[in-house]
Amino acid sequence: MQKSEILMALVAALAVASPAFASLSFTDCSSTYEVKRVEMGTCKQVPCPVLVEQEVNVTTTFYAKFPSSELIPTALYYAINTKFPATVGSYDPRDAANGGDTTQRANITVNPELPPVLGYLQWMLHNEKGERVVCFRVDILIYWYWPPR
């Protein structure tokens, strides 16, 4: 193997191992589409710290196994076995009309009623037929104050 081939292999290996290319750890909750990657703000590992009443950017990349002309987002927070609604603010309404790889972005407001505990965010996308095509959960650590006291 020549030096240039070794260097190219090393660069490729570093790119794959880089956190910039890594997805957060998430739990799939019966997605029809294949969820490939989940990002949440600047979080690099779970549980992701979230501050109540702040917006968190959630980016999801998935493979749409079949076309959908409309994708409707729903977000929920769960803490202490209780469901809390989340407000989906600015949402990038890209559809999966052609199938294939699709990336969705949304800003989600952290519910001010959440207690300062471990919990999770559940993100779902339903298509125009009401079918849940994307569903995943990401562990979060909820804070009322930042920095934590």
C-alpha atoms as a PDB file:
ATOM      1  CA  MET A   1       0.000   0.000   0.000  1.00  0.00           C
ATOM      2  CA  GLN A   2       1.381   3.420  -0.967  1.00  0.00           C
ATOM      3  CA  LYS A   3       1.584   6.384   1.411  1.00  0.00           C
ATOM      4  CA  SER A   4      -1.226   8.212  -0.409  1.00  0.00           C
ATOM      5  CA  GLU A   5      -3.531   5.177  -0.082  1.00  0.00           C
ATOM      6  CA  ILE A   6      -2.744   4.889   3.635  1.00  0.00           C
ATOM      7  CA  LEU A   7      -3.402   8.608   4.136  1.00  0.00           C
ATOM      8  CA  MET A   8      -6.731   8.394   2.270  1.00  0.00           C
ATOM      9  CA  ALA A   9      -7.784   5.370   4.354  1.00  0.00           C
ATOM     10  CA  LEU A  10      -6.847   7.198   7.578  1.00  0.00           C
ATOM     11  CA  VAL A  11      -8.828  10.317   6.575  1.00  0.00           C
ATOM     12  CA  ALA A  12     -11.847   8.157   5.696  1.00  0.00           C
ATOM     13  CA  ALA A  13     -11.645   6.323   9.039  1.00  0.00           C
ATOM     14  CA  LEU A  14     -11.424   9.606  10.978  1.00  0.00           C
ATOM     15  CA  ALA A  15     -14.422  11.022   9.101  1.00  0.00           C
ATOM     16  CA  VAL A  16     -16.521   8.001  10.036  1.00  0.00           C
ATOM     17  CA  ALA A  17     -15.405   8.144  13.679  1.00  0.00           C
ATOM     18  CA  SER A  18     -15.893  11.911  13.976  1.00  0.00           C
ATOM     19  CA  PRO A  19     -18.716  13.048  16.293  1.00  0.00           C
ATOM     20  CA  ALA A  20     -19.874  15.418  13.550  1.00  0.00           C
ATOM     21  CA  PHE A  21     -21.017  12.380  11.587  1.00  0.00           C
ATOM     22  CA  ALA A  22     -22.381  10.377  14.521  1.00  0.00           C
ATOM     23  CA  SER A  23     -26.029  10.098  15.432  1.00  0.00           C
ATOM     24  CA  LEU A  24     -27.286  10.428  18.963  1.00  0.00           C
ATOM     25  CA  SER A  25     -28.295   7.186  20.572  1.00  0.00           C
ATOM     26  CA  PHE A  26     -32.067   6.823  20.174  1.00  0.00           C
ATOM     27  CA  THR A  27     -34.804   4.231  20.569  1.00  0.00           C
ATOM     28  CA  ASP A  28     -37.006   3.544  17.567  1.00  0.00           C
ATOM     29  CA  CYS A  29     -40.696   3.258  18.467  1.00  0.00           C
ATOM     30  CA  SER A  30     -42.139   1.393  15.493  1.00  0.00           C
ATOM     31  CA  SER A  31     -41.103   3.631  12.604  1.00  0.00           C
ATOM     32  CA  THR A  32     -42.216   2.517   9.167  1.00  0.00           C
ATOM     33  CA  TYR A  33     -39.400   4.514   7.591  1.00  0.00           C
ATOM     34  CA  GLU A  34     -35.807   3.722   8.560  1.00  0.00           C
ATOM     35  CA  VAL A  35     -34.466   6.359  10.979  1.00  0.00           C
ATOM     36  CA  LYS A  36     -30.755   6.735  10.227  1.00  0.00           C
ATOM     37  CA  ARG A  37     -29.606   9.737  12.236  1.00  0.00           C
ATOM     38  CA  VAL A  38     -30.888  11.957  15.048  1.00  0.00           C
ATOM     39  CA  GLU A  39     -29.354  15.246  16.199  1.00  0.00           C
ATOM     40  CA  MET A  40     -30.560  17.437  19.038  1.00  0.00           C
ATOM     41  CA  GLY A  41     -29.035  20.904  19.288  1.00  0.00           C
ATOM     42  CA  THR A  42     -25.364  20.680  20.208  1.00  0.00           C
ATOM     43  CA  CYS A  43     -25.825  17.487  22.235  1.00  0.00           C
ATOM     44  CA  LYS A  44     -23.172  14.855  21.533  1.00  0.00           C
ATOM     45  CA  GLN A  45     -24.322  12.085  23.896  1.00  0.00           C
ATOM     46  CA  VAL A  46     -27.441  11.156  25.805  1.00  0.00           C
ATOM     47  CA  PRO A  47     -28.983  12.142  28.062  1.00  0.00           C
ATOM     48  CA  CYS A  48     -29.166  15.512  26.286  1.00  0.00           C
ATOM     49  CA  PRO A  49     -29.398  18.463  28.664  1.00  0.00           C
ATOM     50  CA  VAL A  50     -32.458  20.651  28.004  1.00  0.00           C
ATOM     51  CA  LEU A  51     -33.512  23.856  29.724  1.00  0.00           C
ATOM     52  CA  VAL A  52     -37.226  24.495  30.257  1.00  0.00           C
ATOM     53  CA  GLU A  53     -38.812  27.194  28.083  1.00  0.00           C
ATOM     54  CA  GLN A  54     -35.935  27.031  25.600  1.00  0.00           C
ATOM     55  CA  GLU A  55     -36.054  25.819  21.997  1.00  0.00           C
ATOM     56  CA  VAL A  56     -34.150  22.727  20.962  1.00  0.00           C
ATOM     57  CA  ASN A  57     -33.342  22.031  17.318  1.00  0.00           C
ATOM     58  CA  VAL A  58     -34.096  18.429  16.332  1.00  0.00           C
ATOM     59  CA  THR A  59     -32.801  17.086  13.022  1.00  0.00           C
ATOM     60  CA  THR A  60     -33.788  13.661  11.746  1.00  0.00           C
ATOM     61  CA  THR A  61     -32.490  11.820   8.710  1.00  0.00           C
ATOM     62  CA  PHE A  62     -34.465   8.819   7.531  1.00  0.00           C
ATOM     63  CA  TYR A  63     -34.998   6.607   4.525  1.00  0.00           C
ATOM     64  CA  ALA A  64     -38.564   6.881   3.216  1.00  0.00           C
ATOM     65  CA  LYS A  65     -39.463   3.382   2.008  1.00  0.00           C
ATOM     66  CA  PHE A  66     -42.453   4.778   0.110  1.00  0.00           C
ATOM     67  CA  PRO A  67     -43.537   8.295  -0.948  1.00  0.00           C
ATOM     68  CA  SER A  68     -45.498  10.602   1.373  1.00  0.00           C
ATOM     69  CA  SER A  69     -46.714  13.980   0.153  1.00  0.00           C
ATOM     70  CA  GLU A  70     -47.129  15.439   3.653  1.00  0.00           C
ATOM     71  CA  LEU A  71     -45.379  14.808   6.975  1.00  0.00           C
ATOM     72  CA  ILE A  72     -46.993  16.153  10.149  1.00  0.00           C
ATOM     73  CA  PRO A  73     -44.817  16.430  13.291  1.00  0.00           C
ATOM     74  CA  THR A  74     -45.784  15.601  16.868  1.00  0.00           C
ATOM     75  CA  ALA A  75     -43.458  15.891  19.857  1.00  0.00           C
ATOM     76  CA  LEU A  76     -43.998  14.776  23.439  1.00  0.00           C
ATOM     77  CA  TYR A  77     -41.869  14.851  26.575  1.00  0.00           C
ATOM     78  CA  TYR A  78     -42.063  12.040  29.116  1.00  0.00           C
ATOM     79  CA  ALA A  79     -40.892  12.447  32.704  1.00  0.00           C
ATOM     80  CA  ILE A  80     -41.845  10.431  35.797  1.00  0.00           C
ATOM     81  CA  ASN A  81     -44.200   8.256  33.707  1.00  0.00           C
ATOM     82  CA  THR A  82     -46.165  11.346  32.658  1.00  0.00           C
ATOM     83  CA  LYS A  83     -46.686  12.676  29.134  1.00  0.00           C
ATOM     84  CA  PHE A  84     -46.172  16.426  28.530  1.00  0.00           C
ATOM     85  CA  PRO A  85     -46.971  18.095  25.204  1.00  0.00           C
ATOM     86  CA  ALA A  86     -44.206  19.874  23.324  1.00  0.00           C
ATOM     87  CA  THR A  87     -44.644  22.870  21.065  1.00  0.00           C
ATOM     88  CA  VAL A  88     -43.207  22.386  17.594  1.00  0.00           C
ATOM     89  CA  GLY A  89     -42.094  25.840  16.468  1.00  0.00           C
ATOM     90  CA  SER A  90     -40.367  26.434  13.175  1.00  0.00           C
ATOM     91  CA  TYR A  91     -40.590  23.264  11.162  1.00  0.00           C
ATOM     92  CA  ASP A  92     -38.941  22.427   7.866  1.00  0.00           C
ATOM     93  CA  PRO A  93     -41.899  20.837   6.036  1.00  0.00           C
ATOM     94  CA  ARG A  94     -39.937  18.814   3.525  1.00  0.00           C
ATOM     95  CA  ASP A  95     -41.912  15.856   2.377  1.00  0.00           C
ATOM     96  CA  ALA A  96     -40.862  12.414   1.270  1.00  0.00           C
ATOM     97  CA  ALA A  97     -42.725  12.655  -2.054  1.00  0.00           C
ATOM     98  CA  ASN A  98     -40.014  10.789  -3.925  1.00  0.00           C
ATOM     99  CA  GLY A  99     -39.090   8.370  -1.166  1.00  0.00           C
ATOM    100  CA  GLY A 100     -35.402   7.869  -0.389  1.00  0.00           C
ATOM    101  CA  ASP A 101     -33.223   9.778   2.075  1.00  0.00           C
ATOM    102  CA  THR A 102     -34.975  12.743   3.700  1.00  0.00           C
ATOM    103  CA  THR A 103     -33.896  15.170   6.433  1.00  0.00           C
ATOM    104  CA  GLN A 104     -36.412  16.973   8.672  1.00  0.00           C
ATOM    105  CA  ARG A 105     -35.617  19.885  11.001  1.00  0.00           C
ATOM    106  CA  ALA A 106     -37.757  21.431  13.718  1.00  0.00           C
ATOM    107  CA  ASN A 107     -37.426  23.643  16.769  1.00  0.00           C
ATOM    108  CA  ILE A 108     -39.195  22.234  19.807  1.00  0.00           C
ATOM    109  CA  THR A 109     -39.904  24.276  22.929  1.00  0.00           C
ATOM    110  CA  VAL A 110     -39.126  22.555  26.213  1.00  0.00           C
ATOM    111  CA  ASN A 111     -42.372  22.468  28.220  1.00  0.00           C
ATOM    112  CA  PRO A 112     -42.136  24.681  31.368  1.00  0.00           C
ATOM    113  CA  GLU A 113     -44.195  22.117  33.338  1.00  0.00           C
ATOM    114  CA  LEU A 114     -41.457  19.483  33.105  1.00  0.00           C
ATOM    115  CA  PRO A 115     -39.828  18.484  36.391  1.00  0.00           C
ATOM    116  CA  PRO A 116     -36.005  18.617  36.633  1.00  0.00           C
ATOM    117  CA  VAL A 117     -35.378  14.896  36.106  1.00  0.00           C
ATOM    118  CA  LEU A 118     -34.297  12.340  33.532  1.00  0.00           C
ATOM    119  CA  GLY A 119     -36.900  11.800  30.827  1.00  0.00           C
ATOM    120  CA  TYR A 120     -37.131  11.502  27.065  1.00  0.00           C
ATOM    121  CA  LEU A 121     -38.350  13.327  23.998  1.00  0.00           C
ATOM    122  CA  GLN A 122     -40.551  11.347  21.627  1.00  0.00           C
ATOM    123  CA  TRP A 123     -40.660  12.646  18.051  1.00  0.00           C
ATOM    124  CA  MET A 124     -43.175  11.384  15.503  1.00  0.00           C
ATOM    125  CA  LEU A 125     -44.050  12.117  11.885  1.00  0.00           C
ATOM    126  CA  HIS A 126     -47.402  11.073  10.426  1.00  0.00           C
ATOM    127  CA  ASN A 127     -48.080  11.111   6.701  1.00  0.00           C
ATOM    128  CA  GLU A 128     -51.134  12.428   4.859  1.00  0.00           C
ATOM    129  CA  LYS A 129     -52.959   9.134   5.532  1.00  0.00           C
ATOM    130  CA  GLY A 130     -52.387   9.407   9.289  1.00  0.00           C
ATOM    131  CA  GLU A 131     -49.795   6.615   9.272  1.00  0.00           C
ATOM    132  CA  ARG A 132     -46.950   7.023  11.762  1.00  0.00           C
ATOM    133  CA  VAL A 133     -43.872   6.761   9.564  1.00  0.00           C
ATOM    134  CA  VAL A 134     -41.194   8.039  11.974  1.00  0.00           C
ATOM    135  CA  CYS A 135     -41.055   7.571  15.732  1.00  0.00           C
ATOM    136  CA  PHE A 136     -38.033   7.733  18.020  1.00  0.00           C
ATOM    137  CA  ARG A 137     -37.111   8.617  21.585  1.00  0.00           C
ATOM    138  CA  VAL A 138     -34.036  10.440  22.866  1.00  0.00           C
ATOM    139  CA  ASP A 139     -33.093  10.483  26.561  1.00  0.00           C
ATOM    140  CA  ILE A 140     -32.928  13.978  28.061  1.00  0.00           C
ATOM    141  CA  LEU A 141     -31.938  15.561  31.362  1.00  0.00           C
ATOM    142  CA  ILE A 142     -34.274  18.437  32.195  1.00  0.00           C
ATOM    143  CA  TYR A 143     -32.959  21.561  33.939  1.00  0.00           C
ATOM    144  CA  TRP A 144     -34.840  24.529  35.339  1.00  0.00           C
ATOM    145  CA  TYR A 145     -31.688  26.643  35.626  1.00  0.00           C
ATOM    146  CA  TRP A 146     -28.490  26.850  33.622  1.00  0.00           C
ATOM    147  CA  PRO A 147     -25.825  26.172  34.620  1.00  0.00           C
ATOM    148  CA  PRO A 148     -27.143  23.429  36.920  1.00  0.00           C
ATOM    149  CA  ARG A 149     -27.013  24.395  40.587  1.00  0.00           C
END
